[in-house]
């Protein structure tokens, strides 16, 4: 058995790269943490006007009230550029305030494909109603793919998508 090391238990608290960066931590309860695993949560910095019956990209450029682990959310172009191939959980929510519309739609697009997931929020059409649309999915992304988020409403005039952090946001993280 020359050159073979056999161990019953390997006891470690932290696994680091050769450069010293923590890649994985195991706490006393056995939970595993990946402090540098790609993930983001972004928000609008202000209300965003969306024209009647027009798919409009959401300008998610606020990471200060969220996070951007791995730096893969591009605040200038408001899109997620994973740079690492894998399965990602991607989601978003959007709110339009005080609208007479009967629905608000939200979608995320992979490489500008309009055939991605579409989520709808349907309300009564009362002009004091807030419309909410949210959804998420698991998507395989290649290292050179990207994700952007769009909204659409059917009110008769431009309406604001609400910037409040708890209302309009997008998120994603690498699963495997």
C-alpha atoms as a PDB file:
ATOM      1  CA  UNK A   1       0.000   0.000   0.000  1.00  0.00           C
ATOM      2  CA  UNK A   2       2.801   2.357  -0.757  1.00  0.00           C
ATOM      3  CA  UNK A   3       1.658   5.973  -1.302  1.00  0.00           C
ATOM      4  CA  UNK A   4      -1.939   5.408  -0.153  1.00  0.00           C
ATOM      5  CA  UNK A   5      -3.248   7.356   2.803  1.00  0.00           C
ATOM      6  CA  UNK A   6      -6.341   5.981   4.449  1.00  0.00           C
ATOM      7  CA  UNK A   7      -8.381   8.030   6.903  1.00  0.00           C
ATOM      8  CA  UNK A   8     -11.632   7.310   8.675  1.00  0.00           C
ATOM      9  CA  UNK A   9     -12.473  10.960   9.368  1.00  0.00           C
ATOM     10  CA  UNK A  10     -11.074  14.148   7.957  1.00  0.00           C
ATOM     11  CA  UNK A  11     -11.670  16.927  10.462  1.00  0.00           C
ATOM     12  CA  UNK A  12     -11.400  20.452   9.097  1.00  0.00           C
ATOM     13  CA  UNK A  13     -13.124  23.753   9.758  1.00  0.00           C
ATOM     14  CA  UNK A  14     -11.930  25.630   6.696  1.00  0.00           C
ATOM     15  CA  UNK A  15     -10.803  24.712   3.184  1.00  0.00           C
ATOM     16  CA  UNK A  16      -8.693  27.391   1.488  1.00  0.00           C
ATOM     17  CA  UNK A  17      -7.086  27.865  -1.896  1.00  0.00           C
ATOM     18  CA  UNK A  18      -3.301  27.806  -2.106  1.00  0.00           C
ATOM     19  CA  UNK A  19      -3.511  31.632  -2.132  1.00  0.00           C
ATOM     20  CA  UNK A  20      -5.255  31.626   1.268  1.00  0.00           C
ATOM     21  CA  UNK A  21      -8.808  32.499   0.170  1.00  0.00           C
ATOM     22  CA  UNK A  22     -11.512  30.586   2.045  1.00  0.00           C
ATOM     23  CA  UNK A  23     -13.410  28.306  -0.313  1.00  0.00           C
ATOM     24  CA  UNK A  24     -15.505  26.443   2.235  1.00  0.00           C
ATOM     25  CA  UNK A  25     -16.203  26.607   5.954  1.00  0.00           C
ATOM     26  CA  UNK A  26     -17.841  23.925   8.074  1.00  0.00           C
ATOM     27  CA  UNK A  27     -19.365  25.085  11.354  1.00  0.00           C
ATOM     28  CA  UNK A  28     -19.774  23.055  14.564  1.00  0.00           C
ATOM     29  CA  UNK A  29     -23.285  21.952  13.474  1.00  0.00           C
ATOM     30  CA  UNK A  30     -21.893  20.500  10.241  1.00  0.00           C
ATOM     31  CA  UNK A  31     -23.323  23.233   8.003  1.00  0.00           C
ATOM     32  CA  UNK A  32     -21.203  24.010   4.957  1.00  0.00           C
ATOM     33  CA  UNK A  33     -20.708  27.616   3.843  1.00  0.00           C
ATOM     34  CA  UNK A  34     -19.225  28.846   0.560  1.00  0.00           C
ATOM     35  CA  UNK A  35     -18.328  32.490   1.276  1.00  0.00           C
ATOM     36  CA  UNK A  36     -17.230  33.238  -2.295  1.00  0.00           C
ATOM     37  CA  UNK A  37     -19.928  31.357  -4.227  1.00  0.00           C
ATOM     38  CA  UNK A  38     -21.333  33.543  -7.011  1.00  0.00           C
ATOM     39  CA  UNK A  39     -24.533  35.304  -5.939  1.00  0.00           C
ATOM     40  CA  UNK A  40     -26.251  38.653  -6.236  1.00  0.00           C
ATOM     41  CA  UNK A  41     -29.258  40.605  -5.011  1.00  0.00           C
ATOM     42  CA  UNK A  42     -29.896  43.960  -6.695  1.00  0.00           C
ATOM     43  CA  UNK A  43     -32.461  46.753  -6.552  1.00  0.00           C
ATOM     44  CA  UNK A  44     -33.490  49.897  -8.387  1.00  0.00           C
ATOM     45  CA  UNK A  45     -31.950  53.127  -7.055  1.00  0.00           C
ATOM     46  CA  UNK A  46     -35.144  55.074  -7.864  1.00  0.00           C
ATOM     47  CA  UNK A  47     -38.591  54.540  -9.362  1.00  0.00           C
ATOM     48  CA  UNK A  48     -38.382  53.629 -13.034  1.00  0.00           C
ATOM     49  CA  UNK A  49     -40.969  54.810 -15.559  1.00  0.00           C
ATOM     50  CA  UNK A  50     -42.268  52.108 -17.898  1.00  0.00           C
ATOM     51  CA  UNK A  51     -44.189  53.040 -21.041  1.00  0.00           C
ATOM     52  CA  UNK A  52     -47.636  51.570 -21.708  1.00  0.00           C
ATOM     53  CA  UNK A  53     -47.502  48.146 -23.423  1.00  0.00           C
ATOM     54  CA  UNK A  54     -43.729  48.162 -23.926  1.00  0.00           C
ATOM     55  CA  UNK A  55     -41.293  45.531 -22.625  1.00  0.00           C
ATOM     56  CA  UNK A  56     -38.717  47.565 -20.681  1.00  0.00           C
ATOM     57  CA  UNK A  57     -35.426  46.469 -19.104  1.00  0.00           C
ATOM     58  CA  UNK A  58     -35.257  47.100 -15.382  1.00  0.00           C
ATOM     59  CA  UNK A  59     -32.283  49.256 -14.343  1.00  0.00           C
ATOM     60  CA  UNK A  60     -31.107  47.182 -11.402  1.00  0.00           C
ATOM     61  CA  UNK A  61     -27.994  49.123 -10.430  1.00  0.00           C
ATOM     62  CA  UNK A  62     -28.112  49.141  -6.613  1.00  0.00           C
ATOM     63  CA  UNK A  63     -25.968  46.481  -4.965  1.00  0.00           C
ATOM     64  CA  UNK A  64     -25.398  48.571  -1.808  1.00  0.00           C
ATOM     65  CA  UNK A  65     -28.726  47.355  -0.394  1.00  0.00           C
ATOM     66  CA  UNK A  66     -28.027  43.820  -1.585  1.00  0.00           C
ATOM     67  CA  UNK A  67     -24.783  42.080  -2.543  1.00  0.00           C
ATOM     68  CA  UNK A  68     -22.661  41.060  -5.504  1.00  0.00           C
ATOM     69  CA  UNK A  69     -20.460  38.169  -4.388  1.00  0.00           C
ATOM     70  CA  UNK A  70     -18.006  37.399  -7.141  1.00  0.00           C
ATOM     71  CA  UNK A  71     -18.725  40.733  -8.882  1.00  0.00           C
ATOM     72  CA  UNK A  72     -20.784  39.085 -11.645  1.00  0.00           C
ATOM     73  CA  UNK A  73     -23.664  41.608 -11.596  1.00  0.00           C
ATOM     74  CA  UNK A  74     -22.781  44.375 -14.074  1.00  0.00           C
ATOM     75  CA  UNK A  75     -24.332  47.575 -12.643  1.00  0.00           C
ATOM     76  CA  UNK A  76     -23.446  49.581 -15.794  1.00  0.00           C
ATOM     77  CA  UNK A  77     -25.319  47.273 -18.170  1.00  0.00           C
ATOM     78  CA  UNK A  78     -27.747  45.915 -15.544  1.00  0.00           C
ATOM     79  CA  UNK A  79     -27.176  42.263 -16.303  1.00  0.00           C
ATOM     80  CA  UNK A  80     -25.794  39.125 -14.701  1.00  0.00           C
ATOM     81  CA  UNK A  81     -22.651  37.735 -16.355  1.00  0.00           C
ATOM     82  CA  UNK A  82     -21.909  34.453 -14.547  1.00  0.00           C
ATOM     83  CA  UNK A  83     -18.436  33.720 -16.040  1.00  0.00           C
ATOM     84  CA  UNK A  84     -18.768  30.216 -14.525  1.00  0.00           C
ATOM     85  CA  UNK A  85     -20.927  27.586 -16.240  1.00  0.00           C
ATOM     86  CA  UNK A  86     -23.505  25.886 -14.063  1.00  0.00           C
ATOM     87  CA  UNK A  87     -27.052  25.747 -12.784  1.00  0.00           C
ATOM     88  CA  UNK A  88     -28.282  29.012 -11.297  1.00  0.00           C
ATOM     89  CA  UNK A  89     -31.378  29.908  -9.317  1.00  0.00           C
ATOM     90  CA  UNK A  90     -32.586  33.205 -10.843  1.00  0.00           C
ATOM     91  CA  UNK A  91     -35.525  35.267  -9.627  1.00  0.00           C
ATOM     92  CA  UNK A  92     -37.059  38.712  -9.526  1.00  0.00           C
ATOM     93  CA  UNK A  93     -40.034  40.695  -8.324  1.00  0.00           C
ATOM     94  CA  UNK A  94     -41.501  43.959  -9.574  1.00  0.00           C
ATOM     95  CA  UNK A  95     -44.253  46.270  -8.373  1.00  0.00           C
ATOM     96  CA  UNK A  96     -46.112  49.006 -10.229  1.00  0.00           C
ATOM     97  CA  UNK A  97     -48.008  51.440  -7.996  1.00  0.00           C
ATOM     98  CA  UNK A  98     -51.467  53.011  -8.368  1.00  0.00           C
ATOM     99  CA  UNK A  99     -52.323  51.694 -11.793  1.00  0.00           C
ATOM    100  CA  UNK A 100     -55.520  50.996 -13.695  1.00  0.00           C
ATOM    101  CA  UNK A 101     -53.812  48.145 -15.531  1.00  0.00           C
ATOM    102  CA  UNK A 102     -55.231  44.654 -15.268  1.00  0.00           C
ATOM    103  CA  UNK A 103     -51.792  43.052 -15.185  1.00  0.00           C
ATOM    104  CA  UNK A 104     -48.044  43.483 -14.790  1.00  0.00           C
ATOM    105  CA  UNK A 105     -45.656  41.021 -16.405  1.00  0.00           C
ATOM    106  CA  UNK A 106     -42.056  40.278 -15.491  1.00  0.00           C
ATOM    107  CA  UNK A 107     -39.585  38.153 -17.380  1.00  0.00           C
ATOM    108  CA  UNK A 108     -35.942  37.364 -17.398  1.00  0.00           C
ATOM    109  CA  UNK A 109     -34.076  36.831 -20.611  1.00  0.00           C
ATOM    110  CA  UNK A 110     -31.029  34.731 -21.321  1.00  0.00           C
ATOM    111  CA  UNK A 111     -28.927  36.383 -24.040  1.00  0.00           C
ATOM    112  CA  UNK A 112     -31.909  38.554 -25.147  1.00  0.00           C
ATOM    113  CA  UNK A 113     -34.101  35.507 -25.802  1.00  0.00           C
ATOM    114  CA  UNK A 114     -37.765  36.454 -25.412  1.00  0.00           C
ATOM    115  CA  UNK A 115     -38.737  32.817 -24.859  1.00  0.00           C
ATOM    116  CA  UNK A 116     -37.640  32.809 -21.223  1.00  0.00           C
ATOM    117  CA  UNK A 117     -39.854  32.683 -18.143  1.00  0.00           C
ATOM    118  CA  UNK A 118     -42.745  35.158 -17.921  1.00  0.00           C
ATOM    119  CA  UNK A 119     -44.518  35.797 -14.629  1.00  0.00           C
ATOM    120  CA  UNK A 120     -47.758  37.775 -14.379  1.00  0.00           C
ATOM    121  CA  UNK A 121     -49.440  39.689 -11.615  1.00  0.00           C
ATOM    122  CA  UNK A 122     -53.187  40.146 -12.139  1.00  0.00           C
ATOM    123  CA  UNK A 123     -55.302  42.614 -10.172  1.00  0.00           C
ATOM    124  CA  UNK A 124     -58.715  44.257 -10.330  1.00  0.00           C
ATOM    125  CA  UNK A 125     -57.728  47.312 -12.373  1.00  0.00           C
ATOM    126  CA  UNK A 126     -58.678  49.703  -9.561  1.00  0.00           C
ATOM    127  CA  UNK A 127     -56.520  52.834 -10.024  1.00  0.00           C
ATOM    128  CA  UNK A 128     -55.327  52.604  -6.431  1.00  0.00           C
ATOM    129  CA  UNK A 129     -54.159  48.996  -6.822  1.00  0.00           C
ATOM    130  CA  UNK A 130     -50.523  47.998  -6.696  1.00  0.00           C
ATOM    131  CA  UNK A 131     -49.622  45.159  -9.068  1.00  0.00           C
ATOM    132  CA  UNK A 132     -46.996  42.593  -8.105  1.00  0.00           C
ATOM    133  CA  UNK A 133     -45.252  40.075 -10.341  1.00  0.00           C
ATOM    134  CA  UNK A 134     -42.558  37.701  -9.135  1.00  0.00           C
ATOM    135  CA  UNK A 135     -41.042  34.400 -10.016  1.00  0.00           C
ATOM    136  CA  UNK A 136     -37.925  32.305 -10.112  1.00  0.00           C
ATOM    137  CA  UNK A 137     -36.473  29.351 -11.948  1.00  0.00           C
ATOM    138  CA  UNK A 138     -33.357  27.216 -12.205  1.00  0.00           C
ATOM    139  CA  UNK A 139     -31.479  27.883 -15.430  1.00  0.00           C
ATOM    140  CA  UNK A 140     -28.297  26.419 -16.893  1.00  0.00           C
ATOM    141  CA  UNK A 141     -25.891  29.176 -17.933  1.00  0.00           C
ATOM    142  CA  UNK A 142     -22.667  28.870 -19.897  1.00  0.00           C
ATOM    143  CA  UNK A 143     -19.776  31.065 -18.839  1.00  0.00           C
ATOM    144  CA  UNK A 144     -20.520  33.587 -21.622  1.00  0.00           C
ATOM    145  CA  UNK A 145     -24.322  33.776 -21.150  1.00  0.00           C
ATOM    146  CA  UNK A 146     -26.082  36.678 -19.449  1.00  0.00           C
ATOM    147  CA  UNK A 147     -29.432  37.408 -17.810  1.00  0.00           C
ATOM    148  CA  UNK A 148     -31.490  40.635 -17.921  1.00  0.00           C
ATOM    149  CA  UNK A 149     -34.910  41.468 -16.485  1.00  0.00           C
ATOM    150  CA  UNK A 150     -37.893  43.167 -18.190  1.00  0.00           C
ATOM    151  CA  UNK A 151     -41.390  44.344 -17.235  1.00  0.00           C
ATOM    152  CA  UNK A 152     -44.576  45.101 -19.181  1.00  0.00           C
ATOM    153  CA  UNK A 153     -47.954  46.530 -18.133  1.00  0.00           C
ATOM    154  CA  UNK A 154     -51.187  47.275 -19.936  1.00  0.00           C
ATOM    155  CA  UNK A 155     -52.196  50.559 -18.337  1.00  0.00           C
ATOM    156  CA  UNK A 156     -53.065  53.394 -20.723  1.00  0.00           C
ATOM    157  CA  UNK A 157     -50.052  55.515 -19.758  1.00  0.00           C
ATOM    158  CA  UNK A 158     -46.497  55.267 -18.403  1.00  0.00           C
ATOM    159  CA  UNK A 159     -46.281  54.015 -14.821  1.00  0.00           C
ATOM    160  CA  UNK A 160     -43.531  53.790 -12.239  1.00  0.00           C
ATOM    161  CA  UNK A 161     -41.982  50.550 -11.138  1.00  0.00           C
ATOM    162  CA  UNK A 162     -41.454  51.036  -7.390  1.00  0.00           C
ATOM    163  CA  UNK A 163     -37.825  51.152  -6.236  1.00  0.00           C
ATOM    164  CA  UNK A 164     -38.379  50.169  -2.604  1.00  0.00           C
ATOM    165  CA  UNK A 165     -35.956  47.342  -1.752  1.00  0.00           C
ATOM    166  CA  UNK A 166     -38.659  44.980  -0.566  1.00  0.00           C
ATOM    167  CA  UNK A 167     -40.734  45.408  -3.731  1.00  0.00           C
ATOM    168  CA  UNK A 168     -38.611  45.445  -6.877  1.00  0.00           C
ATOM    169  CA  UNK A 169     -35.465  43.334  -6.867  1.00  0.00           C
ATOM    170  CA  UNK A 170     -33.588  40.572  -8.681  1.00  0.00           C
ATOM    171  CA  UNK A 171     -31.387  37.812  -7.349  1.00  0.00           C
ATOM    172  CA  UNK A 172     -29.421  34.770  -8.408  1.00  0.00           C
ATOM    173  CA  UNK A 173     -26.919  32.265  -7.147  1.00  0.00           C
ATOM    174  CA  UNK A 174     -24.882  29.341  -8.386  1.00  0.00           C
ATOM    175  CA  UNK A 175     -26.363  26.006  -7.340  1.00  0.00           C
ATOM    176  CA  UNK A 176     -23.952  23.555  -8.963  1.00  0.00           C
END
